[in-house]
Amino acid sequence: MSENILQSSKATLQRGAIHADGQLTVTATDVTFVPFNQQFGLGPYSFSRGSIANACASTAKAGGLLPISTDAIKISLDDGEVYEFILANTAQWLQTLNS
């Protein structure tokens, strides 16, 4: 990714009860998640920031059901795809994604 990075940090992708640790990166035009272990089949994912329908606060869930933390965000795309990430500084991430 040669474009200037606006924000990047370690994050955990949450898909139901399945989690994958990796690096979440936002540039002016794209959002990318690259898992540390790509053998699980959870990424890498990349999508245009223009395709984001909504980015909001969410909850981290144990077993995909029980809320255990509010340190999470949910990104919904125009095509109906939804990505949930557990990470620090959620307010800052939401500000970047919604700007």
C-alpha atoms as a PDB file:
ATOM      1  CA  MET A   1       0.000   0.000   0.000  1.00  0.00           C
ATOM      2  CA  SER A   2       1.822   3.087  -1.220  1.00  0.00           C
ATOM      3  CA  GLU A   3      -0.890   5.576  -0.258  1.00  0.00           C
ATOM      4  CA  ASN A   4      -0.491   7.649   2.922  1.00  0.00           C
ATOM      5  CA  ILE A   5      -1.798   5.780   5.949  1.00  0.00           C
ATOM      6  CA  LEU A   6      -4.313   7.720   8.056  1.00  0.00           C
ATOM      7  CA  GLN A   7      -4.564   5.122  10.818  1.00  0.00           C
ATOM      8  CA  SER A   8      -3.235   1.635  11.453  1.00  0.00           C
ATOM      9  CA  SER A   9      -3.145  -0.721  14.422  1.00  0.00           C
ATOM     10  CA  LYS A  10      -3.435  -4.295  15.536  1.00  0.00           C
ATOM     11  CA  ALA A  11      -7.044  -5.458  15.543  1.00  0.00           C
ATOM     12  CA  THR A  12      -9.077  -8.623  15.868  1.00  0.00           C
ATOM     13  CA  LEU A  13     -11.593  -9.456  13.167  1.00  0.00           C
ATOM     14  CA  GLN A  14     -14.701 -10.998  14.717  1.00  0.00           C
ATOM     15  CA  ARG A  15     -16.936 -13.246  12.585  1.00  0.00           C
ATOM     16  CA  GLY A  16     -19.429 -14.839  14.959  1.00  0.00           C
ATOM     17  CA  ALA A  17     -17.453 -17.068  17.325  1.00  0.00           C
ATOM     18  CA  ILE A  18     -14.364 -16.959  15.089  1.00  0.00           C
ATOM     19  CA  HIS A  19     -11.623 -14.369  15.618  1.00  0.00           C
ATOM     20  CA  ALA A  20      -8.468 -13.496  13.675  1.00  0.00           C
ATOM     21  CA  ASP A  21      -5.732 -11.134  14.862  1.00  0.00           C
ATOM     22  CA  GLY A  22      -4.120  -8.880  12.296  1.00  0.00           C
ATOM     23  CA  GLN A  23      -3.371  -5.351  11.105  1.00  0.00           C
ATOM     24  CA  LEU A  24      -6.188  -2.915  10.254  1.00  0.00           C
ATOM     25  CA  THR A  25      -5.176   0.020   8.059  1.00  0.00           C
ATOM     26  CA  VAL A  26      -7.090   3.024   6.720  1.00  0.00           C
ATOM     27  CA  THR A  27      -5.914   5.285   3.899  1.00  0.00           C
ATOM     28  CA  ALA A  28      -7.775   8.151   2.233  1.00  0.00           C
ATOM     29  CA  THR A  29      -9.458   5.675  -0.131  1.00  0.00           C
ATOM     30  CA  ASP A  30      -9.257   2.140   1.323  1.00  0.00           C
ATOM     31  CA  VAL A  31      -9.626  -0.018   4.431  1.00  0.00           C
ATOM     32  CA  THR A  32      -7.470  -3.145   4.643  1.00  0.00           C
ATOM     33  CA  PHE A  33      -7.267  -5.972   7.179  1.00  0.00           C
ATOM     34  CA  VAL A  34      -4.368  -8.423   6.899  1.00  0.00           C
ATOM     35  CA  PRO A  35      -4.476 -11.343   9.364  1.00  0.00           C
ATOM     36  CA  PHE A  36      -1.253 -12.479  10.987  1.00  0.00           C
ATOM     37  CA  ASN A  37      -2.174 -16.094  10.186  1.00  0.00           C
ATOM     38  CA  GLN A  38      -3.706 -16.281   6.717  1.00  0.00           C
ATOM     39  CA  GLN A  39      -4.217 -20.066   6.889  1.00  0.00           C
ATOM     40  CA  PHE A  40      -7.557 -19.629   8.710  1.00  0.00           C
ATOM     41  CA  GLY A  41      -9.166 -18.045   5.651  1.00  0.00           C
ATOM     42  CA  LEU A  42     -10.232 -14.862   7.443  1.00  0.00           C
ATOM     43  CA  GLY A  43      -8.639 -12.323   5.143  1.00  0.00           C
ATOM     44  CA  PRO A  44      -6.935 -10.426   3.890  1.00  0.00           C
ATOM     45  CA  TYR A  45      -9.845  -8.067   3.238  1.00  0.00           C
ATOM     46  CA  SER A  46      -9.788  -4.740   1.438  1.00  0.00           C
ATOM     47  CA  PHE A  47     -12.601  -2.404   0.487  1.00  0.00           C
ATOM     48  CA  SER A  48     -13.083   1.176  -0.620  1.00  0.00           C
ATOM     49  CA  ARG A  49     -13.972   3.754   2.022  1.00  0.00           C
ATOM     50  CA  GLY A  50     -16.602   4.967  -0.438  1.00  0.00           C
ATOM     51  CA  SER A  51     -18.409   1.633  -0.061  1.00  0.00           C
ATOM     52  CA  ILE A  52     -18.931   2.124   3.701  1.00  0.00           C
ATOM     53  CA  ALA A  53     -22.643   2.556   4.431  1.00  0.00           C
ATOM     54  CA  ASN A  54     -22.131   2.859   8.197  1.00  0.00           C
ATOM     55  CA  ALA A  55     -19.345   2.655  10.777  1.00  0.00           C
ATOM     56  CA  CYS A  56     -20.459   2.508  14.401  1.00  0.00           C
ATOM     57  CA  ALA A  57     -19.496   1.343  17.873  1.00  0.00           C
ATOM     58  CA  SER A  58     -20.056  -2.331  18.632  1.00  0.00           C
ATOM     59  CA  THR A  59     -19.267  -4.898  21.305  1.00  0.00           C
ATOM     60  CA  ALA A  60     -16.680  -7.648  21.442  1.00  0.00           C
ATOM     61  CA  LYS A  61     -18.413 -10.949  22.102  1.00  0.00           C
ATOM     62  CA  ALA A  62     -17.280 -14.160  23.764  1.00  0.00           C
ATOM     63  CA  GLY A  63     -18.288 -17.114  21.647  1.00  0.00           C
ATOM     64  CA  GLY A  64     -19.934 -14.693  19.246  1.00  0.00           C
ATOM     65  CA  LEU A  65     -22.819 -14.163  21.699  1.00  0.00           C
ATOM     66  CA  LEU A  66     -21.955 -12.714  25.101  1.00  0.00           C
ATOM     67  CA  PRO A  67     -20.837  -9.056  25.126  1.00  0.00           C
ATOM     68  CA  ILE A  68     -17.542  -8.742  26.998  1.00  0.00           C
ATOM     69  CA  SER A  69     -16.184  -5.349  25.888  1.00  0.00           C
ATOM     70  CA  THR A  70     -17.215  -2.147  24.144  1.00  0.00           C
ATOM     71  CA  ASP A  71     -13.829  -1.868  22.416  1.00  0.00           C
ATOM     72  CA  ALA A  72     -15.167  -2.790  18.987  1.00  0.00           C
ATOM     73  CA  ILE A  73     -16.445  -1.228  15.781  1.00  0.00           C
ATOM     74  CA  LYS A  74     -18.802  -2.493  13.099  1.00  0.00           C
ATOM     75  CA  ILE A  75     -18.364  -1.471   9.458  1.00  0.00           C
ATOM     76  CA  SER A  76     -21.334  -2.101   7.162  1.00  0.00           C
ATOM     77  CA  LEU A  77     -20.832  -1.848   3.412  1.00  0.00           C
ATOM     78  CA  ASP A  78     -23.281  -0.843   0.687  1.00  0.00           C
ATOM     79  CA  ASP A  79     -23.403  -4.460  -0.539  1.00  0.00           C
ATOM     80  CA  GLY A  80     -24.573  -5.738   2.876  1.00  0.00           C
ATOM     81  CA  GLU A  81     -21.197  -7.139   3.961  1.00  0.00           C
ATOM     82  CA  VAL A  82     -20.406  -6.464   7.641  1.00  0.00           C
ATOM     83  CA  TYR A  83     -17.006  -6.434   9.357  1.00  0.00           C
ATOM     84  CA  GLU A  84     -16.543  -6.255  13.130  1.00  0.00           C
ATOM     85  CA  PHE A  85     -13.181  -5.405  14.662  1.00  0.00           C
ATOM     86  CA  ILE A  86     -12.037  -5.447  18.281  1.00  0.00           C
ATOM     87  CA  LEU A  87      -9.448  -2.703  18.826  1.00  0.00           C
ATOM     88  CA  ALA A  88      -8.345   0.148  21.062  1.00  0.00           C
ATOM     89  CA  ASN A  89      -9.326   3.788  20.553  1.00  0.00           C
ATOM     90  CA  THR A  90     -12.687   3.047  18.948  1.00  0.00           C
ATOM     91  CA  ALA A  91     -13.793   6.708  18.996  1.00  0.00           C
ATOM     92  CA  GLN A  92     -10.690   7.733  17.054  1.00  0.00           C
ATOM     93  CA  TRP A  93     -11.229   4.919  14.526  1.00  0.00           C
ATOM     94  CA  LEU A  94     -14.863   5.916  14.021  1.00  0.00           C
ATOM     95  CA  GLN A  95     -13.876   9.548  13.537  1.00  0.00           C
ATOM     96  CA  THR A  96     -11.372   8.522  10.839  1.00  0.00           C
ATOM     97  CA  LEU A  97     -13.783   6.135   9.104  1.00  0.00           C
ATOM     98  CA  ASN A  98     -16.700   8.579   9.150  1.00  0.00           C
ATOM     99  CA  SER A  99     -14.724  11.589   7.906  1.00  0.00           C
END
